[in-house]
Amino acid sequence: MSDEISFAEFEKVDIRVGTIVEVEPFPEARKPAFKLKIDFGPEIGVKKSSAQITVHYTPETLLGRQVLGVVNFPPRQIGPVRSEVLTLGFEDENGAIVLAAVEQGVPNGKKMM
């Protein structure tokens, strides 16, 4: 378990829901990954992300899927891709990433409460 934080510290992490609108292979990545474009609604817009999620997902299964992302981290350069959001997921028993998602559809850009 990580160190305990206050609720005020947690509130600083801006986690929003968005819909994947574009998926491309990312062959330049060190580990297999996809380049994603995620629509976080009119306030935030479409943001780019790199995600190592190729074990459980294909471009076809990702397109149109709602995901959770941290939208207020600074952009990170990953090879030739500037990742603007951190797409959230969990490791399965083999270390492959399973995406965190909402159970029912919600409007893009809604903040996790």
C-alpha atoms as a PDB file:
ATOM      1  CA  MET A   1       0.000   0.000   0.000  1.00  0.00           C
ATOM      2  CA  SER A   2       1.198   3.533  -0.765  1.00  0.00           C
ATOM      3  CA  ASP A   3       1.632   6.292   1.800  1.00  0.00           C
ATOM      4  CA  GLU A   4      -1.595   7.786   3.119  1.00  0.00           C
ATOM      5  CA  ILE A   5      -2.679  11.063   1.491  1.00  0.00           C
ATOM      6  CA  SER A   6      -5.324  13.604   2.405  1.00  0.00           C
ATOM      7  CA  PHE A   7      -8.591  13.964   0.524  1.00  0.00           C
ATOM      8  CA  ALA A   8      -7.421  17.408  -0.605  1.00  0.00           C
ATOM      9  CA  GLU A   9      -4.356  15.790  -2.220  1.00  0.00           C
ATOM     10  CA  PHE A  10      -6.557  13.220  -3.964  1.00  0.00           C
ATOM     11  CA  GLU A  11      -8.795  15.987  -5.319  1.00  0.00           C
ATOM     12  CA  LYS A  12      -5.796  17.407  -7.194  1.00  0.00           C
ATOM     13  CA  VAL A  13      -5.723  14.326  -9.453  1.00  0.00           C
ATOM     14  CA  ASP A  14      -8.137  15.124 -12.299  1.00  0.00           C
ATOM     15  CA  ILE A  15      -9.524  11.777 -13.516  1.00  0.00           C
ATOM     16  CA  ARG A  16     -11.992  12.074 -16.408  1.00  0.00           C
ATOM     17  CA  VAL A  17     -13.878   9.726 -18.677  1.00  0.00           C
ATOM     18  CA  GLY A  18     -13.267   9.845 -22.417  1.00  0.00           C
ATOM     19  CA  THR A  19     -14.021   7.862 -25.543  1.00  0.00           C
ATOM     20  CA  ILE A  20     -11.256   6.407 -27.702  1.00  0.00           C
ATOM     21  CA  VAL A  21     -11.773   7.901 -31.169  1.00  0.00           C
ATOM     22  CA  GLU A  22      -8.564   6.759 -32.877  1.00  0.00           C
ATOM     23  CA  VAL A  23      -6.151   3.839 -32.384  1.00  0.00           C
ATOM     24  CA  GLU A  24      -2.859   3.257 -34.192  1.00  0.00           C
ATOM     25  CA  PRO A  25      -0.070   0.732 -33.702  1.00  0.00           C
ATOM     26  CA  PHE A  26       3.016   2.166 -31.988  1.00  0.00           C
ATOM     27  CA  PRO A  27       5.868   0.037 -33.383  1.00  0.00           C
ATOM     28  CA  GLU A  28       8.540   2.505 -32.186  1.00  0.00           C
ATOM     29  CA  ALA A  29       7.662   1.881 -28.519  1.00  0.00           C
ATOM     30  CA  ARG A  30      10.060  -0.236 -26.434  1.00  0.00           C
ATOM     31  CA  LYS A  31       7.170  -2.455 -25.316  1.00  0.00           C
ATOM     32  CA  PRO A  32       4.152  -3.214 -27.527  1.00  0.00           C
ATOM     33  CA  ALA A  33       1.724  -0.297 -27.345  1.00  0.00           C
ATOM     34  CA  PHE A  34      -0.978   1.653 -29.123  1.00  0.00           C
ATOM     35  CA  LYS A  35      -1.226   5.362 -29.843  1.00  0.00           C
ATOM     36  CA  LEU A  36      -4.654   6.542 -28.739  1.00  0.00           C
ATOM     37  CA  LYS A  37      -6.683   9.675 -29.304  1.00  0.00           C
ATOM     38  CA  ILE A  38      -9.289  10.089 -26.578  1.00  0.00           C
ATOM     39  CA  ASP A  39     -12.194  12.555 -26.657  1.00  0.00           C
ATOM     40  CA  PHE A  40     -12.644  14.109 -23.212  1.00  0.00           C
ATOM     41  CA  GLY A  41     -15.525  16.365 -24.253  1.00  0.00           C
ATOM     42  CA  PRO A  42     -15.744  20.038 -25.209  1.00  0.00           C
ATOM     43  CA  GLU A  43     -13.943  21.430 -22.140  1.00  0.00           C
ATOM     44  CA  ILE A  44     -10.766  19.337 -22.570  1.00  0.00           C
ATOM     45  CA  GLY A  45     -10.978  18.101 -26.168  1.00  0.00           C
ATOM     46  CA  VAL A  46      -9.204  15.213 -27.854  1.00  0.00           C
ATOM     47  CA  LYS A  47      -5.933  14.199 -26.192  1.00  0.00           C
ATOM     48  CA  LYS A  48      -3.185  11.755 -27.178  1.00  0.00           C
ATOM     49  CA  SER A  49      -1.991   8.850 -25.058  1.00  0.00           C
ATOM     50  CA  SER A  50       0.338   5.890 -25.407  1.00  0.00           C
ATOM     51  CA  ALA A  51      -0.858   2.695 -23.765  1.00  0.00           C
ATOM     52  CA  GLN A  52       0.772  -0.720 -23.373  1.00  0.00           C
ATOM     53  CA  ILE A  53      -2.512  -2.595 -23.721  1.00  0.00           C
ATOM     54  CA  THR A  54      -1.851  -4.870 -26.707  1.00  0.00           C
ATOM     55  CA  VAL A  55      -2.279  -8.166 -24.813  1.00  0.00           C
ATOM     56  CA  HIS A  56      -6.000  -7.801 -24.085  1.00  0.00           C
ATOM     57  CA  TYR A  57      -7.089  -5.321 -26.770  1.00  0.00           C
ATOM     58  CA  THR A  58      -7.022  -4.759 -30.522  1.00  0.00           C
ATOM     59  CA  PRO A  59      -7.653  -1.480 -32.330  1.00  0.00           C
ATOM     60  CA  GLU A  60     -11.134  -2.758 -33.204  1.00  0.00           C
ATOM     61  CA  THR A  61     -12.057  -3.500 -29.574  1.00  0.00           C
ATOM     62  CA  LEU A  62     -10.690  -0.143 -28.383  1.00  0.00           C
ATOM     63  CA  LEU A  63     -12.399   2.176 -30.851  1.00  0.00           C
ATOM     64  CA  GLY A  64     -15.465   3.721 -29.191  1.00  0.00           C
ATOM     65  CA  ARG A  65     -14.578   2.364 -25.728  1.00  0.00           C
ATOM     66  CA  GLN A  66     -14.843   4.713 -22.763  1.00  0.00           C
ATOM     67  CA  VAL A  67     -11.747   4.845 -20.559  1.00  0.00           C
ATOM     68  CA  LEU A  68     -10.507   6.761 -17.536  1.00  0.00           C
ATOM     69  CA  GLY A  69      -7.545   9.096 -17.777  1.00  0.00           C
ATOM     70  CA  VAL A  70      -5.593  11.538 -15.648  1.00  0.00           C
ATOM     71  CA  VAL A  71      -5.796  14.782 -17.603  1.00  0.00           C
ATOM     72  CA  ASN A  72      -3.725  17.115 -15.414  1.00  0.00           C
ATOM     73  CA  PHE A  73      -0.302  15.452 -15.528  1.00  0.00           C
ATOM     74  CA  PRO A  74       2.275  17.272 -17.642  1.00  0.00           C
ATOM     75  CA  PRO A  75       2.705  15.797 -21.147  1.00  0.00           C
ATOM     76  CA  ARG A  76       5.344  13.073 -21.422  1.00  0.00           C
ATOM     77  CA  GLN A  77       7.446  12.332 -24.470  1.00  0.00           C
ATOM     78  CA  ILE A  78       7.394   8.617 -25.286  1.00  0.00           C
ATOM     79  CA  GLY A  79       9.606   8.139 -28.339  1.00  0.00           C
ATOM     80  CA  PRO A  80       8.030  10.153 -31.146  1.00  0.00           C
ATOM     81  CA  VAL A  81       4.687  10.472 -29.284  1.00  0.00           C
ATOM     82  CA  ARG A  82       3.812  13.250 -26.849  1.00  0.00           C
ATOM     83  CA  SER A  83       1.424  11.557 -24.408  1.00  0.00           C
ATOM     84  CA  GLU A  84      -0.968  14.146 -22.972  1.00  0.00           C
ATOM     85  CA  VAL A  85      -3.000  11.953 -20.593  1.00  0.00           C
ATOM     86  CA  LEU A  86      -2.368   8.859 -18.503  1.00  0.00           C
ATOM     87  CA  THR A  87      -4.838   6.150 -19.490  1.00  0.00           C
ATOM     88  CA  LEU A  88      -5.660   4.161 -16.353  1.00  0.00           C
ATOM     89  CA  GLY A  89      -5.588   0.403 -15.932  1.00  0.00           C
ATOM     90  CA  PHE A  90      -4.541  -2.454 -13.687  1.00  0.00           C
ATOM     91  CA  GLU A  91      -2.068  -5.304 -14.122  1.00  0.00           C
ATOM     92  CA  ASP A  92      -3.574  -8.766 -14.449  1.00  0.00           C
ATOM     93  CA  GLU A  93      -1.906 -11.837 -12.899  1.00  0.00           C
ATOM     94  CA  ASN A  94       0.653 -11.866 -15.752  1.00  0.00           C
ATOM     95  CA  GLY A  95       1.443  -8.146 -15.702  1.00  0.00           C
ATOM     96  CA  ALA A  96      -0.636  -7.247 -18.779  1.00  0.00           C
ATOM     97  CA  ILE A  97      -2.754  -4.109 -18.467  1.00  0.00           C
ATOM     98  CA  VAL A  98      -6.552  -4.235 -18.185  1.00  0.00           C
ATOM     99  CA  LEU A  99      -8.187  -0.848 -18.710  1.00  0.00           C
ATOM    100  CA  ALA A 100     -10.125   0.896 -15.943  1.00  0.00           C
ATOM    101  CA  ALA A 101     -13.556   1.809 -17.264  1.00  0.00           C
ATOM    102  CA  VAL A 102     -17.021   2.968 -16.304  1.00  0.00           C
ATOM    103  CA  GLU A 103     -19.786   0.392 -15.951  1.00  0.00           C
ATOM    104  CA  GLN A 104     -22.333   2.485 -17.855  1.00  0.00           C
ATOM    105  CA  GLY A 105     -21.801   5.208 -20.433  1.00  0.00           C
ATOM    106  CA  VAL A 106     -21.395   8.745 -19.138  1.00  0.00           C
ATOM    107  CA  PRO A 107     -20.757  12.006 -20.999  1.00  0.00           C
ATOM    108  CA  ASN A 108     -17.151  12.500 -22.111  1.00  0.00           C
ATOM    109  CA  GLY A 109     -15.212  14.795 -19.790  1.00  0.00           C
ATOM    110  CA  LYS A 110     -17.086  13.947 -16.601  1.00  0.00           C
ATOM    111  CA  LYS A 111     -14.810  14.038 -13.575  1.00  0.00           C
ATOM    112  CA  MET A 112     -14.468  11.076 -11.236  1.00  0.00           C
ATOM    113  CA  MET A 113     -16.167  11.904  -7.969  1.00  0.00           C
END
